[in-house]
Amino acid sequence: MAEASTMRVEVVSPERVLFSGEATQVITRTLGGGEVAFLAGHAPFLAALIANHTRVYLAEGSILDVAVHGGFVEVSNGKVSILTDFAELGSEIDKAKAQADIERLQEQLRHENDAAGAAELARAHARLSAAGGVNGTAAAAH
């Protein structure tokens, strides 16, 4: 049985369940609402997500870093569910490739500023942040 200060968290994409377990806190970023944190006992909540570095503070003390590329977050009955079109665990992301993608996209946007390119750049930033950012500490980079 989980302690009262924890909650059930699931991060699910069409490809797989990235995480299912107990956590003390989840921090993610919603469309138009900015960054939001959920603790055990949070009121029911539903929002769309933007590309972001989501942090799941696990019950055993570590932090699970996830690059979430859109989707929804729902909080109900002591459970936080993140349903996303696509997500990656920070530990599975190649930092050098993510940094190179950012540089390529920034250069591309200098020449043609389009919404699709800006969205792709936001996803690349989320990936790099979840992978540890440029300073190597994922939890500190958001």
N, C-alpha and C. Protein backbone atom coordinates (compact mmCIF):
# COMPACT_ATOMS: atom_id res chain seq x y z
N MET A 1 0.84 -1.19 0.00
CA MET A 1 0.00 0.00 0.00
C MET A 1 0.88 1.24 0.00
N ALA A 2 0.55 2.20 -0.82
CA ALA A 2 1.33 3.43 -0.93
C ALA A 2 1.05 4.34 0.26
N GLU A 3 2.07 5.13 0.62
CA GLU A 3 1.89 6.12 1.68
C GLU A 3 0.94 7.21 1.20
N ALA A 4 0.35 7.92 2.15
CA ALA A 4 -0.59 8.99 1.81
C ALA A 4 0.08 10.10 1.02
N SER A 5 1.39 10.27 1.14
CA SER A 5 2.08 11.35 0.44
C SER A 5 2.50 10.97 -0.98
N THR A 6 2.10 9.79 -1.43
CA THR A 6 2.41 9.39 -2.80
C THR A 6 1.12 9.24 -3.60
N MET A 7 1.31 9.17 -4.89
CA MET A 7 0.17 8.99 -5.79
C MET A 7 0.61 8.08 -6.92
N ARG A 8 -0.34 7.50 -7.59
CA ARG A 8 -0.07 6.64 -8.74
C ARG A 8 0.17 7.56 -9.94
N VAL A 9 1.20 7.27 -10.71
CA VAL A 9 1.51 8.06 -11.90
C VAL A 9 1.71 7.11 -13.07
N GLU A 10 1.13 7.48 -14.21
CA GLU A 10 1.35 6.74 -15.44
C GLU A 10 1.69 7.71 -16.55
N VAL A 11 2.73 7.38 -17.31
CA VAL A 11 3.11 8.13 -18.50
C VAL A 11 3.02 7.14 -19.65
N VAL A 12 2.08 7.40 -20.56
CA VAL A 12 1.75 6.43 -21.60
C VAL A 12 1.76 7.10 -22.97
N SER A 13 2.41 6.43 -23.93
CA SER A 13 2.36 6.84 -25.33
C SER A 13 1.76 5.68 -26.12
N PRO A 14 1.41 5.88 -27.37
CA PRO A 14 0.86 4.76 -28.15
C PRO A 14 1.84 3.59 -28.27
N GLU A 15 3.14 3.87 -28.20
CA GLU A 15 4.15 2.83 -28.36
C GLU A 15 4.36 1.99 -27.11
N ARG A 16 4.22 2.65 -25.90
CA ARG A 16 4.55 1.92 -24.68
C ARG A 16 4.13 2.70 -23.43
N VAL A 17 4.18 2.00 -22.32
CA VAL A 17 4.03 2.64 -21.02
C VAL A 17 5.44 3.01 -20.57
N LEU A 18 5.72 4.31 -20.49
CA LEU A 18 7.06 4.76 -20.12
C LEU A 18 7.28 4.66 -18.62
N PHE A 19 6.21 4.86 -17.85
CA PHE A 19 6.31 4.74 -16.40
C PHE A 19 4.95 4.44 -15.82
N SER A 20 4.93 3.57 -14.83
CA SER A 20 3.74 3.29 -14.05
C SER A 20 4.21 2.94 -12.66
N GLY A 21 3.88 3.81 -11.69
CA GLY A 21 4.34 3.56 -10.33
C GLY A 21 3.96 4.68 -9.39
N GLU A 22 4.59 4.68 -8.22
CA GLU A 22 4.30 5.66 -7.18
C GLU A 22 5.26 6.84 -7.26
N ALA A 23 4.73 8.03 -7.03
CA ALA A 23 5.54 9.24 -7.06
C ALA A 23 5.02 10.21 -6.00
N THR A 24 5.87 11.16 -5.64
CA THR A 24 5.48 12.18 -4.67
C THR A 24 5.06 13.48 -5.35
N GLN A 25 5.53 13.68 -6.60
CA GLN A 25 5.24 14.92 -7.31
C GLN A 25 5.45 14.72 -8.81
N VAL A 26 4.67 15.44 -9.60
CA VAL A 26 4.86 15.48 -11.05
C VAL A 26 4.84 16.94 -11.46
N ILE A 27 5.82 17.35 -12.26
CA ILE A 27 5.85 18.70 -12.80
C ILE A 27 5.87 18.59 -14.32
N THR A 28 4.92 19.28 -14.96
CA THR A 28 4.82 19.26 -16.42
C THR A 28 4.36 20.64 -16.88
N ARG A 29 4.21 20.83 -18.19
CA ARG A 29 3.83 22.15 -18.73
C ARG A 29 2.59 22.01 -19.60
N THR A 30 1.60 22.84 -19.29
CA THR A 30 0.33 22.78 -20.00
C THR A 30 0.22 23.88 -21.05
N LEU A 31 -0.62 23.64 -22.02
CA LEU A 31 -0.89 24.61 -23.08
C LEU A 31 -1.59 25.82 -22.47
N GLY A 32 -0.98 26.97 -22.60
CA GLY A 32 -1.57 28.20 -22.11
C GLY A 32 -1.56 28.38 -20.61
N GLY A 33 -1.15 27.37 -19.85
CA GLY A 33 -1.18 27.47 -18.40
C GLY A 33 0.17 27.48 -17.74
N GLY A 34 1.20 27.21 -18.49
CA GLY A 34 2.54 27.19 -17.92
C GLY A 34 2.82 25.90 -17.17
N GLU A 35 3.87 25.94 -16.36
CA GLU A 35 4.29 24.78 -15.61
C GLU A 35 3.35 24.55 -14.43
N VAL A 36 3.02 23.28 -14.18
CA VAL A 36 2.11 22.93 -13.10
C VAL A 36 2.69 21.73 -12.35
N ALA A 37 2.52 21.74 -11.02
CA ALA A 37 3.00 20.64 -10.18
C ALA A 37 1.81 19.95 -9.54
N PHE A 38 1.88 18.64 -9.46
CA PHE A 38 0.84 17.84 -8.83
C PHE A 38 1.42 17.08 -7.66
N LEU A 39 0.74 17.14 -6.53
CA LEU A 39 1.08 16.38 -5.34
C LEU A 39 -0.08 15.46 -5.02
N ALA A 40 0.15 14.50 -4.12
CA ALA A 40 -0.93 13.61 -3.68
C ALA A 40 -2.09 14.45 -3.17
N GLY A 41 -3.30 14.05 -3.50
CA GLY A 41 -4.49 14.76 -3.05
C GLY A 41 -4.89 15.94 -3.92
N HIS A 42 -4.21 16.13 -5.04
CA HIS A 42 -4.54 17.25 -5.94
C HIS A 42 -5.98 17.13 -6.42
N ALA A 43 -6.63 18.25 -6.58
CA ALA A 43 -7.99 18.30 -7.10
C ALA A 43 -8.03 17.75 -8.53
N PRO A 44 -9.17 17.25 -8.96
CA PRO A 44 -9.28 16.78 -10.35
C PRO A 44 -8.85 17.87 -11.33
N PHE A 45 -8.18 17.47 -12.40
CA PHE A 45 -7.57 18.42 -13.32
C PHE A 45 -7.45 17.75 -14.68
N LEU A 46 -7.65 18.51 -15.73
CA LEU A 46 -7.45 18.01 -17.09
C LEU A 46 -6.93 19.16 -17.95
N ALA A 47 -5.85 18.93 -18.68
CA ALA A 47 -5.28 19.97 -19.53
C ALA A 47 -4.49 19.35 -20.67
N ALA A 48 -4.37 20.12 -21.74
CA ALA A 48 -3.51 19.74 -22.86
C ALA A 48 -2.07 20.08 -22.51
N LEU A 49 -1.14 19.28 -23.00
CA LEU A 49 0.28 19.49 -22.75
C LEU A 49 0.98 20.02 -24.00
N ILE A 50 2.03 20.79 -23.78
CA ILE A 50 2.91 21.20 -24.86
C ILE A 50 4.21 20.41 -24.73
N ALA A 51 5.06 20.49 -25.73
CA ALA A 51 6.37 19.84 -25.66
C ALA A 51 7.10 20.39 -24.44
N ASN A 52 7.55 19.49 -23.57
CA ASN A 52 8.21 19.93 -22.34
C ASN A 52 9.01 18.82 -21.70
N HIS A 53 9.82 19.24 -20.73
CA HIS A 53 10.58 18.34 -19.88
C HIS A 53 9.73 18.10 -18.63
N THR A 54 9.12 16.93 -18.56
CA THR A 54 8.29 16.55 -17.41
C THR A 54 9.16 15.82 -16.40
N ARG A 55 8.98 16.16 -15.13
CA ARG A 55 9.73 15.50 -14.06
C ARG A 55 8.76 14.76 -13.15
N VAL A 56 9.07 13.47 -12.92
CA VAL A 56 8.30 12.63 -12.01
C VAL A 56 9.21 12.32 -10.82
N TYR A 57 8.83 12.82 -9.65
CA TYR A 57 9.63 12.61 -8.43
C TYR A 57 9.17 11.28 -7.82
N LEU A 58 9.98 10.27 -7.98
CA LEU A 58 9.61 8.91 -7.58
C LEU A 58 9.59 8.77 -6.06
N ALA A 59 8.77 7.84 -5.59
CA ALA A 59 8.59 7.63 -4.16
C ALA A 59 9.90 7.25 -3.48
N GLU A 60 10.80 6.58 -4.20
CA GLU A 60 12.07 6.16 -3.59
C GLU A 60 13.13 7.26 -3.61
N GLY A 61 12.79 8.44 -4.16
CA GLY A 61 13.70 9.58 -4.05
C GLY A 61 14.35 10.05 -5.33
N SER A 62 14.34 9.26 -6.38
CA SER A 62 14.98 9.70 -7.63
C SER A 62 13.97 10.47 -8.48
N ILE A 63 14.48 11.05 -9.56
CA ILE A 63 13.63 11.82 -10.47
C ILE A 63 13.69 11.16 -11.85
N LEU A 64 12.51 10.93 -12.41
CA LEU A 64 12.40 10.40 -13.76
C LEU A 64 12.18 11.58 -14.70
N ASP A 65 13.09 11.79 -15.62
CA ASP A 65 13.01 12.88 -16.60
C ASP A 65 12.43 12.33 -17.89
N VAL A 66 11.39 13.03 -18.40
CA VAL A 66 10.70 12.57 -19.60
C VAL A 66 10.51 13.76 -20.55
N ALA A 67 10.86 13.58 -21.80
CA ALA A 67 10.54 14.57 -22.83
C ALA A 67 9.16 14.19 -23.36
N VAL A 68 8.17 15.05 -23.09
CA VAL A 68 6.80 14.81 -23.50
C VAL A 68 6.51 15.73 -24.68
N HIS A 69 5.97 15.16 -25.74
CA HIS A 69 5.72 15.93 -26.96
C HIS A 69 4.22 16.04 -27.21
N GLY A 70 3.55 16.83 -26.36
CA GLY A 70 2.11 17.02 -26.49
C GLY A 70 1.32 15.95 -25.78
N GLY A 71 0.00 16.09 -25.83
CA GLY A 71 -0.88 15.13 -25.20
C GLY A 71 -1.73 15.78 -24.14
N PHE A 72 -2.08 15.00 -23.11
CA PHE A 72 -2.96 15.47 -22.05
C PHE A 72 -2.46 14.98 -20.69
N VAL A 73 -2.79 15.74 -19.65
CA VAL A 73 -2.57 15.29 -18.28
C VAL A 73 -3.93 15.29 -17.60
N GLU A 74 -4.20 14.22 -16.87
CA GLU A 74 -5.44 14.12 -16.11
C GLU A 74 -5.09 13.71 -14.70
N VAL A 75 -5.72 14.37 -13.73
CA VAL A 75 -5.57 14.02 -12.34
C VAL A 75 -6.95 13.67 -11.81
N SER A 76 -7.09 12.46 -11.28
CA SER A 76 -8.36 12.06 -10.66
C SER A 76 -8.13 10.85 -9.77
N ASN A 77 -8.87 10.80 -8.70
CA ASN A 77 -8.82 9.65 -7.78
C ASN A 77 -7.40 9.28 -7.35
N GLY A 78 -6.59 10.29 -7.02
CA GLY A 78 -5.24 10.02 -6.53
C GLY A 78 -4.27 9.53 -7.58
N LYS A 79 -4.57 9.76 -8.84
CA LYS A 79 -3.72 9.28 -9.93
C LYS A 79 -3.46 10.39 -10.94
N VAL A 80 -2.22 10.49 -11.41
CA VAL A 80 -1.84 11.42 -12.47
C VAL A 80 -1.56 10.59 -13.71
N SER A 81 -2.29 10.86 -14.78
CA SER A 81 -2.09 10.15 -16.04
C SER A 81 -1.63 11.15 -17.09
N ILE A 82 -0.50 10.85 -17.71
CA ILE A 82 -0.02 11.64 -18.83
C ILE A 82 -0.14 10.76 -20.06
N LEU A 83 -1.02 11.19 -20.96
CA LEU A 83 -1.27 10.47 -22.20
C LEU A 83 -0.70 11.33 -23.32
N THR A 84 0.32 10.83 -23.98
CA THR A 84 1.05 11.64 -24.94
C THR A 84 1.16 10.97 -26.29
N ASP A 85 1.22 11.79 -27.33
CA ASP A 85 1.41 11.27 -28.68
C ASP A 85 2.77 10.60 -28.81
N PHE A 86 3.75 11.19 -28.13
CA PHE A 86 5.12 10.67 -28.18
C PHE A 86 5.88 11.17 -26.97
N ALA A 87 6.67 10.31 -26.37
CA ALA A 87 7.48 10.70 -25.22
C ALA A 87 8.75 9.85 -25.21
N GLU A 88 9.79 10.41 -24.57
CA GLU A 88 11.07 9.72 -24.46
C GLU A 88 11.59 9.88 -23.05
N LEU A 89 12.15 8.81 -22.50
CA LEU A 89 12.83 8.92 -21.22
C LEU A 89 14.14 9.67 -21.42
N GLY A 90 14.44 10.57 -20.51
CA GLY A 90 15.66 11.35 -20.61
C GLY A 90 16.90 10.48 -20.73
N SER A 91 16.90 9.34 -20.04
CA SER A 91 18.06 8.44 -20.06
C SER A 91 18.27 7.79 -21.42
N GLU A 92 17.27 7.84 -22.30
CA GLU A 92 17.38 7.22 -23.62
C GLU A 92 17.69 8.22 -24.73
N ILE A 93 17.83 9.48 -24.37
CA ILE A 93 18.05 10.54 -25.37
C ILE A 93 19.54 10.81 -25.53
N ASP A 94 19.99 10.89 -26.77
CA ASP A 94 21.38 11.24 -27.09
C ASP A 94 21.52 12.76 -26.98
N LYS A 95 22.24 13.22 -25.94
CA LYS A 95 22.38 14.67 -25.71
C LYS A 95 23.04 15.39 -26.88
N ALA A 96 24.08 14.80 -27.44
CA ALA A 96 24.79 15.44 -28.54
C ALA A 96 23.88 15.61 -29.76
N LYS A 97 23.08 14.59 -30.05
CA LYS A 97 22.15 14.69 -31.17
C LYS A 97 21.07 15.74 -30.89
N ALA A 98 20.58 15.77 -29.66
CA ALA A 98 19.56 16.77 -29.30
C ALA A 98 20.11 18.18 -29.45
N GLN A 99 21.34 18.40 -29.01
CA GLN A 99 21.97 19.72 -29.14
C GLN A 99 22.18 20.08 -30.61
N ALA A 100 22.60 19.11 -31.40
CA ALA A 100 22.79 19.35 -32.84
C ALA A 100 21.46 19.67 -33.52
N ASP A 101 20.39 19.00 -33.11
CA ASP A 101 19.06 19.28 -33.66
C ASP A 101 18.65 20.71 -33.35
N ILE A 102 18.90 21.17 -32.14
CA ILE A 102 18.56 22.54 -31.75
C ILE A 102 19.31 23.54 -32.63
N GLU A 103 20.60 23.32 -32.79
CA GLU A 103 21.41 24.24 -33.60
C GLU A 103 20.93 24.27 -35.05
N ARG A 104 20.62 23.09 -35.59
CA ARG A 104 20.13 23.01 -36.98
C ARG A 104 18.80 23.74 -37.12
N LEU A 105 17.89 23.51 -36.17
CA LEU A 105 16.57 24.13 -36.24
C LEU A 105 16.64 25.64 -36.03
N GLN A 106 17.51 26.10 -35.14
CA GLN A 106 17.66 27.54 -34.95
C GLN A 106 18.16 28.20 -36.23
N GLU A 107 19.10 27.57 -36.89
CA GLU A 107 19.61 28.10 -38.15
C GLU A 107 18.51 28.11 -39.21
N GLN A 108 17.76 27.03 -39.28
CA GLN A 108 16.66 26.93 -40.24
C GLN A 108 15.63 28.04 -39.99
N LEU A 109 15.31 28.30 -38.72
CA LEU A 109 14.31 29.31 -38.38
C LEU A 109 14.81 30.73 -38.65
N ARG A 110 16.13 30.92 -38.71
CA ARG A 110 16.67 32.24 -39.06
C ARG A 110 16.29 32.61 -40.50
N HIS A 111 16.14 31.57 -41.34
CA HIS A 111 15.87 31.79 -42.76
C HIS A 111 14.39 31.68 -43.11
N GLU A 112 13.67 30.87 -42.39
CA GLU A 112 12.24 30.68 -42.65
C GLU A 112 11.53 30.43 -41.34
N ASN A 113 10.87 31.43 -40.84
CA ASN A 113 10.19 31.35 -39.55
C ASN A 113 8.79 30.79 -39.74
N ASP A 114 8.65 29.49 -39.50
CA ASP A 114 7.34 28.87 -39.66
C ASP A 114 6.94 28.14 -38.38
N ALA A 115 5.64 27.94 -38.22
CA ALA A 115 5.11 27.33 -37.00
C ALA A 115 5.60 25.89 -36.82
N ALA A 116 5.68 25.14 -37.91
CA ALA A 116 6.13 23.75 -37.80
C ALA A 116 7.58 23.68 -37.31
N GLY A 117 8.42 24.56 -37.82
CA GLY A 117 9.81 24.60 -37.37
C GLY A 117 9.93 25.02 -35.92
N ALA A 118 9.09 25.97 -35.50
CA ALA A 118 9.10 26.41 -34.10
C ALA A 118 8.65 25.29 -33.18
N ALA A 119 7.66 24.52 -33.60
CA ALA A 119 7.18 23.38 -32.80
C ALA A 119 8.26 22.30 -32.70
N GLU A 120 8.95 22.07 -33.80
CA GLU A 120 10.04 21.09 -33.80
C GLU A 120 11.18 21.54 -32.89
N LEU A 121 11.46 22.85 -32.88
CA LEU A 121 12.49 23.39 -32.00
C LEU A 121 12.08 23.22 -30.53
N ALA A 122 10.81 23.44 -30.21
CA ALA A 122 10.32 23.25 -28.84
C ALA A 122 10.51 21.79 -28.41
N ARG A 123 10.22 20.85 -29.29
CA ARG A 123 10.42 19.43 -28.98
C ARG A 123 11.90 19.13 -28.76
N ALA A 124 12.77 19.72 -29.58
CA ALA A 124 14.21 19.50 -29.42
C ALA A 124 14.71 20.05 -28.09
N HIS A 125 14.21 21.21 -27.68
CA HIS A 125 14.58 21.77 -26.38
C HIS A 125 14.10 20.86 -25.24
N ALA A 126 12.89 20.32 -25.36
CA ALA A 126 12.36 19.41 -24.34
C ALA A 126 13.24 18.17 -24.24
N ARG A 127 13.66 17.65 -25.39
CA ARG A 127 14.52 16.47 -25.41
C ARG A 127 15.85 16.74 -24.72
N LEU A 128 16.48 17.87 -25.06
CA LEU A 128 17.78 18.18 -24.46
C LEU A 128 17.65 18.39 -22.96
N SER A 129 16.61 19.09 -22.54
CA SER A 129 16.41 19.32 -21.11
C SER A 129 16.21 18.00 -20.37
N ALA A 130 15.37 17.11 -20.90
CA ALA A 130 15.13 15.84 -20.25
C ALA A 130 16.37 14.95 -20.23
N ALA A 131 17.22 15.13 -21.23
CA ALA A 131 18.45 14.34 -21.31
C ALA A 131 19.55 14.85 -20.39
N GLY A 132 19.34 16.00 -19.78
CA GLY A 132 20.34 16.52 -18.88
C GLY A 132 20.81 17.89 -19.27
N GLY A 133 20.27 18.44 -20.35
CA GLY A 133 20.65 19.79 -20.74
C GLY A 133 22.12 19.90 -21.04
N VAL A 134 22.57 21.10 -21.20
CA VAL A 134 23.98 21.31 -21.52
C VAL A 134 24.86 21.20 -20.30
N ASN A 135 24.27 21.32 -19.09
CA ASN A 135 25.09 21.24 -17.88
C ASN A 135 25.12 19.85 -17.28
N GLY A 136 24.38 18.88 -17.88
CA GLY A 136 24.47 17.51 -17.44
C GLY A 136 23.57 17.12 -16.29
N THR A 137 22.72 18.03 -15.80
CA THR A 137 21.81 17.67 -14.72
C THR A 137 20.38 17.89 -15.18
N ALA A 138 19.71 16.81 -15.53
CA ALA A 138 18.36 16.91 -16.08
C ALA A 138 17.39 17.59 -15.14
N ALA A 139 17.43 17.27 -13.86
CA ALA A 139 16.46 17.84 -12.93
C ALA A 139 16.63 19.34 -12.78
N ALA A 140 17.83 19.84 -12.99
CA ALA A 140 18.07 21.26 -12.85
C ALA A 140 17.74 22.03 -14.12
N ALA A 141 17.63 21.32 -15.23
CA ALA A 141 17.40 21.98 -16.52
C ALA A 141 15.94 21.90 -16.90
N HIS A 142 15.26 23.02 -16.86
CA HIS A 142 13.85 23.06 -17.31
C HIS A 142 13.44 24.40 -17.75
